Amino acid sequence: MLELYQAEGCPYSETARQKLSDLGVSYTIHNPRTHDGETLNEQTHEALCTLGGEDQIPFLVDHKREETMYESDDIVAYLDEHYA
């Protein structure tokens, strides 16, 4: 299962979402905070910070491969490698 922690209005999050959509991959999306940093959901914000160690988006969790990563370019490259 893939999970994407992201923010609406964030261009980097949009890049990751677009790649997931282009590949037709199923994923769960979380909106822990706004692009400006305002927390929207305490539970998902805490999960983001706990899983990744940082309050940074986008953040991808691939439970199948036990991988986590930040940075939209890294996420896109990872998805191309493993899901294309």
PDB file of N, CA and C in Angstrom:
ATOM      1  N   MET A   1       0.836  -1.179   0.000  1.00  0.00           N
ATOM      2  CA  MET A   1       0.000   0.000   0.000  1.00  0.00           C
ATOM      3  C   MET A   1       0.882   1.243   0.000  1.00  0.00           C
ATOM      4  N   LEU A   2       0.493   2.224  -0.789  1.00  0.00           N
ATOM      5  CA  LEU A   2       1.194   3.501  -0.842  1.00  0.00           C
ATOM      6  C   LEU A   2       0.381   4.561  -0.117  1.00  0.00           C
ATOM      7  N   GLU A   3       1.083   5.412   0.615  1.00  0.00           N
ATOM      8  CA  GLU A   3       0.463   6.557   1.280  1.00  0.00           C
ATOM      9  C   GLU A   3       1.251   7.796   0.898  1.00  0.00           C
ATOM     10  N   LEU A   4       0.547   8.863   0.574  1.00  0.00           N
ATOM     11  CA  LEU A   4       1.187  10.123   0.249  1.00  0.00           C
ATOM     12  C   LEU A   4       0.699  11.185   1.223  1.00  0.00           C
ATOM     13  N   TYR A   5       1.645  11.740   1.968  1.00  0.00           N
ATOM     14  CA  TYR A   5       1.367  12.885   2.840  1.00  0.00           C
ATOM     15  C   TYR A   5       1.679  14.114   2.004  1.00  0.00           C
ATOM     16  N   GLN A   6       0.707  15.002   1.870  1.00  0.00           N
ATOM     17  CA  GLN A   6       0.846  16.117   0.936  1.00  0.00           C
ATOM     18  C   GLN A   6       0.003  17.292   1.379  1.00  0.00           C
ATOM     19  N   ALA A   7       0.079  18.365   0.612  1.00  0.00           N
ATOM     20  CA  ALA A   7      -0.743  19.545   0.882  1.00  0.00           C
ATOM     21  C   ALA A   7      -1.315  20.056  -0.425  1.00  0.00           C
ATOM     22  N   GLU A   8      -2.584  20.408  -0.402  1.00  0.00           N
ATOM     23  CA  GLU A   8      -3.203  21.032  -1.564  1.00  0.00           C
ATOM     24  C   GLU A   8      -2.519  22.378  -1.802  1.00  0.00           C
ATOM     25  N   GLY A   9      -2.294  22.697  -3.052  1.00  0.00           N
ATOM     26  CA  GLY A   9      -1.649  23.961  -3.392  1.00  0.00           C
ATOM     27  C   GLY A   9      -0.129  23.900  -3.381  1.00  0.00           C
ATOM     28  N   CYS A  10       0.426  22.779  -2.986  1.00  0.00           N
ATOM     29  CA  CYS A  10       1.881  22.609  -2.982  1.00  0.00           C
ATOM     30  C   CYS A  10       2.300  22.028  -4.328  1.00  0.00           C
ATOM     31  N   PRO A  11       3.127  22.730  -5.088  1.00  0.00           N
ATOM     32  CA  PRO A  11       3.510  22.232  -6.412  1.00  0.00           C
ATOM     33  C   PRO A  11       4.290  20.915  -6.359  1.00  0.00           C
ATOM     34  N   TYR A  12       5.036  20.702  -5.301  1.00  0.00           N
ATOM     35  CA  TYR A  12       5.801  19.459  -5.171  1.00  0.00           C
ATOM     36  C   TYR A  12       4.872  18.281  -4.892  1.00  0.00           C
ATOM     37  N   SER A  13       3.859  18.522  -4.081  1.00  0.00           N
ATOM     38  CA  SER A  13       2.854  17.494  -3.832  1.00  0.00           C
ATOM     39  C   SER A  13       2.101  17.175  -5.117  1.00  0.00           C
ATOM     40  N   GLU A  14       1.804  18.195  -5.899  1.00  0.00           N
ATOM     41  CA  GLU A  14       1.108  18.004  -7.171  1.00  0.00           C
ATOM     42  C   GLU A  14       1.920  17.106  -8.100  1.00  0.00           C
ATOM     43  N   THR A  15       3.222  17.290  -8.126  1.00  0.00           N
ATOM     44  CA  THR A  15       4.097  16.464  -8.959  1.00  0.00           C
ATOM     45  C   THR A  15       3.989  14.998  -8.562  1.00  0.00           C
ATOM     46  N   ALA A  16       4.026  14.722  -7.271  1.00  0.00           N
ATOM     47  CA  ALA A  16       3.922  13.344  -6.789  1.00  0.00           C
ATOM     48  C   ALA A  16       2.536  12.766  -7.081  1.00  0.00           C
ATOM     49  N   ARG A  17       1.484  13.540  -6.825  1.00  0.00           N
ATOM     50  CA  ARG A  17       0.117  13.071  -7.106  1.00  0.00           C
ATOM     51  C   ARG A  17      -0.068  12.780  -8.586  1.00  0.00           C
ATOM     52  N   GLN A  18       0.453  13.646  -9.431  1.00  0.00           N
ATOM     53  CA  GLN A  18       0.305  13.464 -10.872  1.00  0.00           C
ATOM     54  C   GLN A  18       0.977  12.183 -11.333  1.00  0.00           C
ATOM     55  N   LYS A  19       2.160  11.888 -10.810  1.00  0.00           N
ATOM     56  CA  LYS A  19       2.861  10.662 -11.191  1.00  0.00           C
ATOM     57  C   LYS A  19       2.060   9.435 -10.748  1.00  0.00           C
ATOM     58  N   LEU A  20       1.543   9.458  -9.540  1.00  0.00           N
ATOM     59  CA  LEU A  20       0.726   8.342  -9.063  1.00  0.00           C
ATOM     60  C   LEU A  20      -0.501   8.154  -9.958  1.00  0.00           C
ATOM     61  N   SER A  21      -1.129   9.237 -10.329  1.00  0.00           N
ATOM     62  CA  SER A  21      -2.302   9.169 -11.210  1.00  0.00           C
ATOM     63  C   SER A  21      -1.923   8.675 -12.601  1.00  0.00           C
ATOM     64  N   ASP A  22      -0.828   9.192 -13.141  1.00  0.00           N
ATOM     65  CA  ASP A  22      -0.381   8.774 -14.474  1.00  0.00           C
ATOM     66  C   ASP A  22      -0.103   7.272 -14.526  1.00  0.00           C
ATOM     67  N   LEU A  23       0.422   6.729 -13.441  1.00  0.00           N
ATOM     68  CA  LEU A  23       0.739   5.310 -13.384  1.00  0.00           C
ATOM     69  C   LEU A  23      -0.480   4.452 -13.051  1.00  0.00           C
ATOM     70  N   GLY A  24      -1.558   5.090 -12.619  1.00  0.00           N
ATOM     71  CA  GLY A  24      -2.755   4.343 -12.254  1.00  0.00           C
ATOM     72  C   GLY A  24      -2.589   3.539 -10.981  1.00  0.00           C
ATOM     73  N   VAL A  25      -1.740   4.022 -10.111  1.00  0.00           N
ATOM     74  CA  VAL A  25      -1.443   3.329  -8.859  1.00  0.00           C
ATOM     75  C   VAL A  25      -2.447   3.752  -7.792  1.00  0.00           C
ATOM     76  N   SER A  26      -2.944   2.780  -7.039  1.00  0.00           N
ATOM     77  CA  SER A  26      -3.830   3.096  -5.917  1.00  0.00           C
ATOM     78  C   SER A  26      -2.992   3.590  -4.746  1.00  0.00           C
ATOM     79  N   TYR A  27      -3.496   4.616  -4.076  1.00  0.00           N
ATOM     80  CA  TYR A  27      -2.782   5.143  -2.916  1.00  0.00           C
ATOM     81  C   TYR A  27      -3.758   5.861  -1.999  1.00  0.00           C
ATOM     82  N   THR A  28      -3.324   6.032  -0.789  1.00  0.00           N
ATOM     83  CA  THR A  28      -4.076   6.795   0.197  1.00  0.00           C
ATOM     84  C   THR A  28      -3.397   8.146   0.343  1.00  0.00           C
ATOM     85  N   ILE A  29      -4.201   9.186   0.380  1.00  0.00           N
ATOM     86  CA  ILE A  29      -3.662  10.535   0.495  1.00  0.00           C
ATOM     87  C   ILE A  29      -3.991  11.101   1.871  1.00  0.00           C
ATOM     88  N   HIS A  30      -3.028  11.804   2.444  1.00  0.00           N
ATOM     89  CA  HIS A  30      -3.207  12.449   3.740  1.00  0.00           C
ATOM     90  C   HIS A  30      -2.870  13.927   3.591  1.00  0.00           C
ATOM     91  N   ASN A  31      -3.645  14.764   4.222  1.00  0.00           N
ATOM     92  CA  ASN A  31      -3.409  16.207   4.224  1.00  0.00           C
ATOM     93  C   ASN A  31      -3.154  16.670   5.655  1.00  0.00           C
ATOM     94  N   PRO A  32      -1.944  16.441   6.165  1.00  0.00           N
ATOM     95  CA  PRO A  32      -1.676  16.783   7.561  1.00  0.00           C
ATOM     96  C   PRO A  32      -1.617  18.275   7.835  1.00  0.00           C
ATOM     97  N   ARG A  33      -1.246  19.048   6.802  1.00  0.00           N
ATOM     98  CA  ARG A  33      -1.104  20.495   6.992  1.00  0.00           C
ATOM     99  C   ARG A  33      -1.243  21.201   5.659  1.00  0.00           C
ATOM    100  N   THR A  34      -1.336  22.523   5.743  1.00  0.00           N
ATOM    101  CA  THR A  34      -1.383  23.320   4.528  1.00  0.00           C
ATOM    102  C   THR A  34       0.030  23.483   3.975  1.00  0.00           C
ATOM    103  N   HIS A  35       0.104  23.995   2.774  1.00  0.00           N
ATOM    104  CA  HIS A  35       1.399  24.286   2.154  1.00  0.00           C
ATOM    105  C   HIS A  35       2.180  25.296   2.998  1.00  0.00           C
ATOM    106  N   ASP A  36       1.458  26.177   3.691  1.00  0.00           N
ATOM    107  CA  ASP A  36       2.095  27.202   4.524  1.00  0.00           C
ATOM    108  C   ASP A  36       2.468  26.709   5.916  1.00  0.00           C
ATOM    109  N   GLY A  37       2.083  25.477   6.255  1.00  0.00           N
ATOM    110  CA  GLY A  37       2.492  24.902   7.532  1.00  0.00           C
ATOM    111  C   GLY A  37       1.432  24.843   8.604  1.00  0.00           C
ATOM    112  N   GLU A  38       0.221  25.298   8.329  1.00  0.00           N
ATOM    113  CA  GLU A  38      -0.852  25.246   9.317  1.00  0.00           C
ATOM    114  C   GLU A  38      -1.372  23.810   9.430  1.00  0.00           C
ATOM    115  N   THR A  39      -1.327  23.252  10.625  1.00  0.00           N
ATOM    116  CA  THR A  39      -1.782  21.885  10.841  1.00  0.00           C
ATOM    117  C   THR A  39      -3.283  21.786  10.627  1.00  0.00           C
ATOM    118  N   LEU A  40      -3.670  20.804   9.804  1.00  0.00           N
ATOM    119  CA  LEU A  40      -5.077  20.560   9.520  1.00  0.00           C
ATOM    120  C   LEU A  40      -5.604  19.342  10.275  1.00  0.00           C
ATOM    121  N   ASN A  41      -4.734  18.374  10.500  1.00  0.00           N
ATOM    122  CA  ASN A  41      -5.128  17.138  11.144  1.00  0.00           C
ATOM    123  C   ASN A  41      -3.993  16.701  12.065  1.00  0.00           C
ATOM    124  N   GLU A  42      -4.221  16.803  13.361  1.00  0.00           N
ATOM    125  CA  GLU A  42      -3.178  16.486  14.349  1.00  0.00           C
ATOM    126  C   GLU A  42      -2.673  15.054  14.212  1.00  0.00           C
ATOM    127  N   GLN A  43      -3.597  14.114  13.996  1.00  0.00           N
ATOM    128  CA  GLN A  43      -3.228  12.702  13.935  1.00  0.00           C
ATOM    129  C   GLN A  43      -2.321  12.420  12.733  1.00  0.00           C
ATOM    130  N   THR A  44      -2.696  12.891  11.556  1.00  0.00           N
ATOM    131  CA  THR A  44      -1.860  12.624  10.382  1.00  0.00           C
ATOM    132  C   THR A  44      -0.570  13.451  10.417  1.00  0.00           C
ATOM    133  N   HIS A  45      -0.616  14.621  11.018  1.00  0.00           N
ATOM    134  CA  HIS A  45       0.604  15.417  11.149  1.00  0.00           C
ATOM    135  C   HIS A  45       1.597  14.707  12.065  1.00  0.00           C
ATOM    136  N   GLU A  46       1.100  14.150  13.150  1.00  0.00           N
ATOM    137  CA  GLU A  46       1.962  13.391  14.060  1.00  0.00           C
ATOM    138  C   GLU A  46       2.527  12.162  13.361  1.00  0.00           C
ATOM    139  N   ALA A  47       1.697  11.471  12.571  1.00  0.00           N
ATOM    140  CA  ALA A  47       2.169  10.294  11.830  1.00  0.00           C
ATOM    141  C   ALA A  47       3.266  10.685  10.844  1.00  0.00           C
ATOM    142  N   LEU A  48       3.084  11.785  10.134  1.00  0.00           N
ATOM    143  CA  LEU A  48       4.100  12.278   9.205  1.00  0.00           C
ATOM    144  C   LEU A  48       5.428  12.484   9.916  1.00  0.00           C
ATOM    145  N   CYS A  49       5.384  13.184  11.023  1.00  0.00           N
ATOM    146  CA  CYS A  49       6.607  13.496  11.757  1.00  0.00           C
ATOM    147  C   CYS A  49       7.237  12.247  12.387  1.00  0.00           C
ATOM    148  N   THR A  50       6.422  11.315  12.816  1.00  0.00           N
ATOM    149  CA  THR A  50       6.927  10.086  13.426  1.00  0.00           C
ATOM    150  C   THR A  50       7.534   9.165  12.375  1.00  0.00           C
ATOM    151  N   LEU A  51       6.823   8.959  11.275  1.00  0.00           N
ATOM    152  CA  LEU A  51       7.301   8.047  10.231  1.00  0.00           C
ATOM    153  C   LEU A  51       8.559   8.557   9.539  1.00  0.00           C
ATOM    154  N   GLY A  52       8.581   9.835   9.242  1.00  0.00           N
ATOM    155  CA  GLY A  52       9.688  10.385   8.471  1.00  0.00           C
ATOM    156  C   GLY A  52      10.721  11.130   9.279  1.00  0.00           C
ATOM    157  N   GLY A  53      10.330  11.570  10.450  1.00  0.00           N
ATOM    158  CA  GLY A  53      11.261  12.311  11.281  1.00  0.00           C
ATOM    159  C   GLY A  53      11.296  13.805  10.994  1.00  0.00           C
ATOM    160  N   GLU A  54      10.548  14.251   9.998  1.00  0.00           N
ATOM    161  CA  GLU A  54      10.529  15.663   9.637  1.00  0.00           C
ATOM    162  C   GLU A  54       9.105  16.098   9.292  1.00  0.00           C
ATOM    163  N   ASP A  55       8.866  17.378   9.402  1.00  0.00           N
ATOM    164  CA  ASP A  55       7.600  17.968   8.968  1.00  0.00           C
ATOM    165  C   ASP A  55       7.816  18.511   7.562  1.00  0.00           C
ATOM    166  N   GLN A  56       7.899  17.592   6.602  1.00  0.00           N
ATOM    167  CA  GLN A  56       8.182  17.959   5.218  1.00  0.00           C
ATOM    168  C   GLN A  56       7.233  17.193   4.305  1.00  0.00           C
ATOM    169  N   ILE A  57       6.748  17.882   3.289  1.00  0.00           N
ATOM    170  CA  ILE A  57       5.880  17.246   2.303  1.00  0.00           C
ATOM    171  C   ILE A  57       6.387  17.568   0.908  1.00  0.00           C
ATOM    172  N   PRO A  58       6.128  16.726  -0.078  1.00  0.00           N
ATOM    173  CA  PRO A  58       5.423  15.459   0.024  1.00  0.00           C
ATOM    174  C   PRO A  58       6.283  14.393   0.699  1.00  0.00           C
ATOM    175  N   PHE A  59       5.612  13.385   1.216  1.00  0.00           N
ATOM    176  CA  PHE A  59       6.266  12.265   1.881  1.00  0.00           C
ATOM    177  C   PHE A  59       5.542  10.999   1.452  1.00  0.00           C
ATOM    178  N   LEU A  60       6.272  10.067   0.868  1.00  0.00           N
ATOM    179  CA  LEU A  60       5.699   8.818   0.379  1.00  0.00           C
ATOM    180  C   LEU A  60       6.072   7.676   1.307  1.00  0.00           C
ATOM    181  N   VAL A  61       5.087   6.839   1.620  1.00  0.00           N
ATOM    182  CA  VAL A  61       5.312   5.616   2.379  1.00  0.00           C
ATOM    183  C   VAL A  61       4.880   4.454   1.496  1.00  0.00           C
ATOM    184  N   ASP A  62       5.794   3.531   1.237  1.00  0.00           N
ATOM    185  CA  ASP A  62       5.502   2.314   0.480  1.00  0.00           C
ATOM    186  C   ASP A  62       5.609   1.149   1.453  1.00  0.00           C
ATOM    187  N   HIS A  63       4.474   0.706   1.941  1.00  0.00           N
ATOM    188  CA  HIS A  63       4.453  -0.365   2.939  1.00  0.00           C
ATOM    189  C   HIS A  63       4.916  -1.690   2.349  1.00  0.00           C
ATOM    190  N   LYS A  64       4.640  -1.921   1.090  1.00  0.00           N
ATOM    191  CA  LYS A  64       5.019  -3.173   0.437  1.00  0.00           C
ATOM    192  C   LYS A  64       6.538  -3.352   0.414  1.00  0.00           C
ATOM    193  N   ARG A  65       7.246  -2.291   0.119  1.00  0.00           N
ATOM    194  CA  ARG A  65       8.707  -2.344   0.008  1.00  0.00           C
ATOM    195  C   ARG A  65       9.410  -1.778   1.243  1.00  0.00           C
ATOM    196  N   GLU A  66       8.625  -1.358   2.220  1.00  0.00           N
ATOM    197  CA  GLU A  66       9.165  -0.782   3.460  1.00  0.00           C
ATOM    198  C   GLU A  66      10.118   0.372   3.171  1.00  0.00           C
ATOM    199  N   GLU A  67       9.650   1.275   2.295  1.00  0.00           N
ATOM    200  CA  GLU A  67      10.422   2.458   1.915  1.00  0.00           C
ATOM    201  C   GLU A  67       9.650   3.719   2.281  1.00  0.00           C
ATOM    202  N   THR A  68      10.379   4.743   2.657  1.00  0.00           N
ATOM    203  CA  THR A  68       9.801   6.069   2.880  1.00  0.00           C
ATOM    204  C   THR A  68      10.726   7.091   2.230  1.00  0.00           C
ATOM    205  N   MET A  69      10.137   8.185   1.749  1.00  0.00           N
ATOM    206  CA  MET A  69      10.985   9.215   1.157  1.00  0.00           C
ATOM    207  C   MET A  69      10.271  10.555   1.038  1.00  0.00           C
ATOM    208  N   TYR A  70      11.099  11.580   1.052  1.00  0.00           N
ATOM    209  CA  TYR A  70      10.683  12.952   0.784  1.00  0.00           C
ATOM    210  C   TYR A  70      11.167  13.313  -0.622  1.00  0.00           C
ATOM    211  N   GLU A  71      10.918  14.539  -1.015  1.00  0.00           N
ATOM    212  CA  GLU A  71      11.386  15.121  -2.271  1.00  0.00           C
ATOM    213  C   GLU A  71      10.624  14.561  -3.462  1.00  0.00           C
ATOM    214  N   SER A  72       9.913  15.428  -4.122  1.00  0.00           N
ATOM    215  CA  SER A  72       9.064  15.005  -5.243  1.00  0.00           C
ATOM    216  C   SER A  72       9.864  14.349  -6.363  1.00  0.00           C
ATOM    217  N   ASP A  73      11.056  14.844  -6.675  1.00  0.00           N
ATOM    218  CA  ASP A  73      11.865  14.228  -7.726  1.00  0.00           C
ATOM    219  C   ASP A  73      12.258  12.800  -7.357  1.00  0.00           C
ATOM    220  N   ASP A  74      12.594  12.576  -6.096  1.00  0.00           N
ATOM    221  CA  ASP A  74      12.945  11.230  -5.640  1.00  0.00           C
ATOM    222  C   ASP A  74      11.726  10.310  -5.671  1.00  0.00           C
ATOM    223  N   ILE A  75      10.578  10.858  -5.294  1.00  0.00           N
ATOM    224  CA  ILE A  75       9.333  10.078  -5.312  1.00  0.00           C
ATOM    225  C   ILE A  75       8.995   9.668  -6.739  1.00  0.00           C
ATOM    226  N   VAL A  76       9.079  10.597  -7.683  1.00  0.00           N
ATOM    227  CA  VAL A  76       8.781  10.303  -9.084  1.00  0.00           C
ATOM    228  C   VAL A  76       9.735   9.237  -9.616  1.00  0.00           C
ATOM    229  N   ALA A  77      11.018   9.369  -9.351  1.00  0.00           N
ATOM    230  CA  ALA A  77      11.998   8.388  -9.821  1.00  0.00           C
ATOM    231  C   ALA A  77      11.729   7.012  -9.212  1.00  0.00           C
ATOM    232  N   TYR A  78      11.402   6.978  -7.938  1.00  0.00           N
ATOM    233  CA  TYR A  78      11.085   5.721  -7.255  1.00  0.00           C
ATOM    234  C   TYR A  78       9.863   5.060  -7.870  1.00  0.00           C
ATOM    235  N   LEU A  79       8.827   5.837  -8.088  1.00  0.00           N
ATOM    236  CA  LEU A  79       7.597   5.294  -8.678  1.00  0.00           C
ATOM    237  C   LEU A  79       7.841   4.780 -10.088  1.00  0.00           C
ATOM    238  N   ASP A  80       8.630   5.507 -10.875  1.00  0.00           N
ATOM    239  CA  ASP A  80       8.969   5.047 -12.217  1.00  0.00           C
ATOM    240  C   ASP A  80       9.722   3.722 -12.162  1.00  0.00           C
ATOM    241  N   GLU A  81      10.624   3.601 -11.226  1.00  0.00           N
ATOM    242  CA  GLU A  81      11.431   2.384 -11.109  1.00  0.00           C
ATOM    243  C   GLU A  81      10.615   1.183 -10.669  1.00  0.00           C
ATOM    244  N   HIS A  82       9.694   1.376  -9.724  1.00  0.00           N
ATOM    245  CA  HIS A  82       9.015   0.244  -9.118  1.00  0.00           C
ATOM    246  C   HIS A  82       7.564   0.041  -9.570  1.00  0.00           C
ATOM    247  N   TYR A  83       6.943   1.034 -10.186  1.00  0.00           N
ATOM    248  CA  TYR A  83       5.521   0.920 -10.508  1.00  0.00           C
ATOM    249  C   TYR A  83       5.174   1.199 -11.969  1.00  0.00           C
ATOM    250  N   ALA A  84       6.160   1.567 -12.781  1.00  0.00           N
ATOM    251  CA  ALA A  84       5.884   1.859 -14.192  1.00  0.00           C
ATOM    252  C   ALA A  84       5.799   0.574 -15.014  1.00  0.00           C
TER     253      ALA A  84
END
